[in-house]
């Protein structure tokens, strides 16, 4: 799978998902939000990517991903990719 934009798998009830979403929004980072709560295929894909049932799963354009990342981890990855 080739990712050209950041993808974030999450759910509205997930506090970490809301935090990561707010961080990306606050930084003005374009991303695709994929709601795993209402899409079984998306939930299965998030599990396949991460190897576990934890969210958020953030997939970056370089093909790497983070699971339940801290704000500092997301910010460091964005900086490494020259996205922020």
N, C-alpha and C. Protein backbone atom coordinates (compact mmCIF):
# COMPACT_ATOMS: atom_id res chain seq x y z
N UNK A 1 0.85 -1.18 0.00
CA UNK A 1 0.00 0.00 0.00
C UNK A 1 0.89 1.24 0.00
N UNK A 2 0.64 2.15 -0.90
CA UNK A 2 1.37 3.39 -0.97
C UNK A 2 0.51 4.49 -0.33
N UNK A 3 1.07 5.14 0.65
CA UNK A 3 0.36 6.21 1.35
C UNK A 3 0.96 7.54 0.91
N UNK A 4 0.12 8.43 0.40
CA UNK A 4 0.63 9.73 -0.04
C UNK A 4 0.28 10.83 0.96
N UNK A 5 -0.62 10.55 1.86
CA UNK A 5 -0.97 11.48 2.92
C UNK A 5 -1.00 10.71 4.23
N UNK A 6 -0.99 11.40 5.32
CA UNK A 6 -1.09 10.74 6.62
C UNK A 6 -2.48 10.16 6.76
N UNK A 7 -2.55 8.95 7.28
CA UNK A 7 -3.83 8.32 7.59
C UNK A 7 -3.86 8.10 9.10
N UNK A 8 -4.99 8.42 9.69
CA UNK A 8 -5.17 8.19 11.12
C UNK A 8 -6.40 7.34 11.33
N UNK A 9 -6.18 6.15 11.87
CA UNK A 9 -7.28 5.25 12.23
C UNK A 9 -7.64 5.54 13.68
N UNK A 10 -8.92 5.82 13.93
CA UNK A 10 -9.32 6.14 15.30
C UNK A 10 -10.82 6.03 15.48
N UNK A 11 -11.26 6.45 16.65
CA UNK A 11 -12.69 6.46 16.99
C UNK A 11 -12.97 7.67 17.87
N UNK A 12 -14.18 8.20 17.77
CA UNK A 12 -14.54 9.41 18.51
C UNK A 12 -14.49 9.22 20.02
N UNK A 13 -14.74 8.00 20.51
CA UNK A 13 -14.75 7.76 21.95
C UNK A 13 -13.35 7.64 22.53
N UNK A 14 -12.33 7.58 21.70
CA UNK A 14 -10.95 7.34 22.12
C UNK A 14 -10.26 8.67 22.46
N UNK A 15 -9.88 8.84 23.72
CA UNK A 15 -9.24 10.08 24.16
C UNK A 15 -7.92 10.33 23.43
N UNK A 16 -7.09 9.29 23.27
CA UNK A 16 -5.82 9.45 22.56
C UNK A 16 -6.05 9.84 21.09
N UNK A 17 -7.11 9.30 20.49
CA UNK A 17 -7.44 9.65 19.11
C UNK A 17 -7.82 11.13 19.01
N UNK A 18 -8.64 11.59 19.94
CA UNK A 18 -9.04 13.00 19.94
C UNK A 18 -7.83 13.90 20.14
N UNK A 19 -6.90 13.49 20.99
CA UNK A 19 -5.69 14.29 21.24
C UNK A 19 -4.83 14.36 19.99
N UNK A 20 -4.59 13.23 19.33
CA UNK A 20 -3.76 13.21 18.13
C UNK A 20 -4.43 13.98 17.00
N UNK A 21 -5.73 13.83 16.88
CA UNK A 21 -6.48 14.57 15.86
C UNK A 21 -6.36 16.08 16.09
N UNK A 22 -6.51 16.51 17.35
CA UNK A 22 -6.39 17.93 17.69
C UNK A 22 -4.98 18.43 17.40
N UNK A 23 -3.98 17.59 17.65
CA UNK A 23 -2.60 17.99 17.38
C UNK A 23 -2.39 18.21 15.88
N UNK A 24 -2.82 17.26 15.07
CA UNK A 24 -2.66 17.39 13.62
C UNK A 24 -3.43 18.60 13.10
N UNK A 25 -4.65 18.79 13.59
CA UNK A 25 -5.45 19.95 13.18
C UNK A 25 -4.75 21.24 13.58
N UNK A 26 -4.24 21.29 14.80
CA UNK A 26 -3.59 22.49 15.30
C UNK A 26 -2.33 22.85 14.52
N UNK A 27 -1.64 21.82 14.02
CA UNK A 27 -0.43 22.06 13.23
C UNK A 27 -0.74 22.31 11.75
N UNK A 28 -2.02 22.17 11.38
CA UNK A 28 -2.40 22.38 9.99
C UNK A 28 -1.92 21.26 9.07
N UNK A 29 -1.80 20.06 9.62
CA UNK A 29 -1.32 18.90 8.85
C UNK A 29 -2.51 18.23 8.16
N UNK A 30 -2.39 18.02 6.86
CA UNK A 30 -3.44 17.31 6.13
C UNK A 30 -3.36 15.83 6.45
N UNK A 31 -4.50 15.21 6.71
CA UNK A 31 -4.54 13.78 6.98
C UNK A 31 -5.93 13.24 6.65
N UNK A 32 -5.98 11.94 6.50
CA UNK A 32 -7.26 11.25 6.27
C UNK A 32 -7.64 10.57 7.57
N UNK A 33 -8.79 10.92 8.11
CA UNK A 33 -9.28 10.29 9.34
C UNK A 33 -10.15 9.10 8.96
N UNK A 34 -9.84 7.95 9.51
CA UNK A 34 -10.58 6.73 9.19
C UNK A 34 -11.20 6.22 10.49
N UNK A 35 -12.53 6.26 10.55
CA UNK A 35 -13.27 5.88 11.76
C UNK A 35 -13.42 4.37 11.83
N UNK A 36 -12.73 3.75 12.79
CA UNK A 36 -12.78 2.29 12.90
C UNK A 36 -14.02 1.81 13.64
N UNK A 37 -14.70 2.71 14.33
CA UNK A 37 -15.88 2.31 15.09
C UNK A 37 -17.04 1.90 14.18
N UNK A 38 -17.14 2.55 13.03
CA UNK A 38 -18.28 2.31 12.15
C UNK A 38 -17.89 1.60 10.86
N UNK A 39 -16.67 1.11 10.79
CA UNK A 39 -16.18 0.47 9.57
C UNK A 39 -15.32 -0.73 9.95
N UNK A 40 -15.92 -1.91 9.87
CA UNK A 40 -15.21 -3.14 10.27
C UNK A 40 -13.96 -3.38 9.43
N UNK A 41 -14.02 -3.05 8.15
CA UNK A 41 -12.85 -3.24 7.29
C UNK A 41 -11.71 -2.32 7.72
N UNK A 42 -12.05 -1.09 8.10
CA UNK A 42 -11.04 -0.14 8.58
C UNK A 42 -10.44 -0.63 9.89
N UNK A 43 -11.27 -1.16 10.78
CA UNK A 43 -10.77 -1.70 12.04
C UNK A 43 -9.82 -2.87 11.79
N UNK A 44 -10.16 -3.73 10.85
CA UNK A 44 -9.30 -4.85 10.50
C UNK A 44 -7.98 -4.37 9.90
N UNK A 45 -8.04 -3.32 9.09
CA UNK A 45 -6.82 -2.77 8.48
C UNK A 45 -5.93 -2.14 9.54
N UNK A 46 -6.50 -1.42 10.49
CA UNK A 46 -5.71 -0.83 11.57
C UNK A 46 -5.03 -1.93 12.38
N UNK A 47 -5.75 -3.00 12.64
CA UNK A 47 -5.17 -4.13 13.38
C UNK A 47 -4.06 -4.78 12.56
N UNK A 48 -4.25 -4.91 11.26
CA UNK A 48 -3.23 -5.52 10.40
C UNK A 48 -1.96 -4.67 10.41
N UNK A 49 -2.12 -3.37 10.32
CA UNK A 49 -0.97 -2.47 10.28
C UNK A 49 -0.21 -2.52 11.60
N UNK A 50 -0.94 -2.43 12.70
CA UNK A 50 -0.29 -2.30 14.01
C UNK A 50 0.03 -3.63 14.68
N UNK A 51 -0.68 -4.67 14.29
CA UNK A 51 -0.49 -5.96 14.94
C UNK A 51 -1.23 -6.09 16.26
N UNK A 52 -2.05 -5.11 16.57
CA UNK A 52 -2.82 -5.15 17.82
C UNK A 52 -4.09 -4.32 17.69
N UNK A 53 -4.90 -4.31 18.72
CA UNK A 53 -6.21 -3.65 18.67
C UNK A 53 -6.19 -2.22 19.22
N UNK A 54 -5.02 -1.61 19.34
CA UNK A 54 -4.91 -0.28 19.91
C UNK A 54 -5.08 0.81 18.86
N UNK A 55 -5.69 1.94 19.27
CA UNK A 55 -5.81 3.10 18.41
C UNK A 55 -5.41 4.33 19.21
N UNK A 56 -5.01 5.41 18.60
CA UNK A 56 -4.95 5.61 17.16
C UNK A 56 -3.76 4.90 16.53
N UNK A 57 -3.93 4.60 15.25
CA UNK A 57 -2.84 4.14 14.40
C UNK A 57 -2.62 5.24 13.37
N UNK A 58 -1.42 5.79 13.36
CA UNK A 58 -1.09 6.88 12.43
C UNK A 58 -0.09 6.33 11.42
N UNK A 59 -0.47 6.36 10.14
CA UNK A 59 0.37 5.87 9.06
C UNK A 59 0.92 7.08 8.30
N UNK A 60 2.24 7.11 8.14
CA UNK A 60 2.91 8.24 7.52
C UNK A 60 3.23 7.96 6.06
N UNK A 61 3.46 9.01 5.26
CA UNK A 61 3.74 8.84 3.83
C UNK A 61 4.95 7.95 3.52
N UNK A 62 5.87 7.81 4.47
CA UNK A 62 7.03 6.94 4.23
C UNK A 62 6.73 5.47 4.50
N UNK A 63 5.47 5.17 4.87
CA UNK A 63 5.07 3.79 5.12
C UNK A 63 5.20 3.36 6.56
N UNK A 64 5.84 4.19 7.39
CA UNK A 64 5.96 3.85 8.80
C UNK A 64 4.65 4.18 9.52
N UNK A 65 4.52 3.65 10.74
CA UNK A 65 3.32 3.94 11.51
C UNK A 65 3.66 4.06 12.99
N UNK A 66 2.77 4.69 13.72
CA UNK A 66 2.85 4.79 15.17
C UNK A 66 1.51 4.36 15.74
N UNK A 67 1.57 3.67 16.88
CA UNK A 67 0.37 3.22 17.57
C UNK A 67 0.32 3.90 18.94
N UNK A 68 -0.80 4.54 19.23
CA UNK A 68 -0.96 5.30 20.47
C UNK A 68 0.22 6.23 20.72
N UNK A 69 0.61 7.03 19.73
CA UNK A 69 1.78 7.88 19.92
C UNK A 69 1.51 9.06 20.84
N UNK A 70 2.56 9.51 21.50
CA UNK A 70 2.48 10.74 22.28
C UNK A 70 2.56 11.91 21.30
N UNK A 71 2.21 13.09 21.77
CA UNK A 71 2.33 14.28 20.92
C UNK A 71 3.78 14.47 20.49
N UNK A 72 4.71 14.22 21.40
CA UNK A 72 6.13 14.39 21.08
C UNK A 72 6.57 13.41 19.99
N UNK A 73 6.06 12.18 20.04
CA UNK A 73 6.42 11.20 19.01
C UNK A 73 5.88 11.61 17.64
N UNK A 74 4.64 12.08 17.60
CA UNK A 74 4.06 12.54 16.34
C UNK A 74 4.84 13.74 15.81
N UNK A 75 5.13 14.68 16.69
CA UNK A 75 5.84 15.88 16.26
C UNK A 75 7.24 15.54 15.74
N UNK A 76 7.94 14.61 16.40
CA UNK A 76 9.27 14.21 15.94
C UNK A 76 9.21 13.54 14.57
N UNK A 77 8.20 12.72 14.35
CA UNK A 77 8.05 12.06 13.04
C UNK A 77 7.73 13.07 11.95
N UNK A 78 6.82 14.00 12.26
CA UNK A 78 6.47 15.03 11.29
C UNK A 78 7.72 15.85 10.92
N UNK A 79 8.54 16.18 11.92
CA UNK A 79 9.75 16.94 11.66
C UNK A 79 10.72 16.13 10.82
N UNK A 80 10.86 14.84 11.12
CA UNK A 80 11.75 13.98 10.36
C UNK A 80 11.34 13.88 8.89
N UNK A 81 10.05 13.98 8.63
CA UNK A 81 9.52 13.92 7.27
C UNK A 81 9.39 15.31 6.64
N UNK A 82 9.84 16.33 7.37
CA UNK A 82 9.75 17.73 6.93
C UNK A 82 8.30 18.14 6.65
N UNK A 83 7.39 17.66 7.48
CA UNK A 83 5.98 17.99 7.33
C UNK A 83 5.54 19.06 8.33
N UNK A 84 6.36 19.30 9.33
CA UNK A 84 6.01 20.32 10.34
C UNK A 84 7.26 21.03 10.81
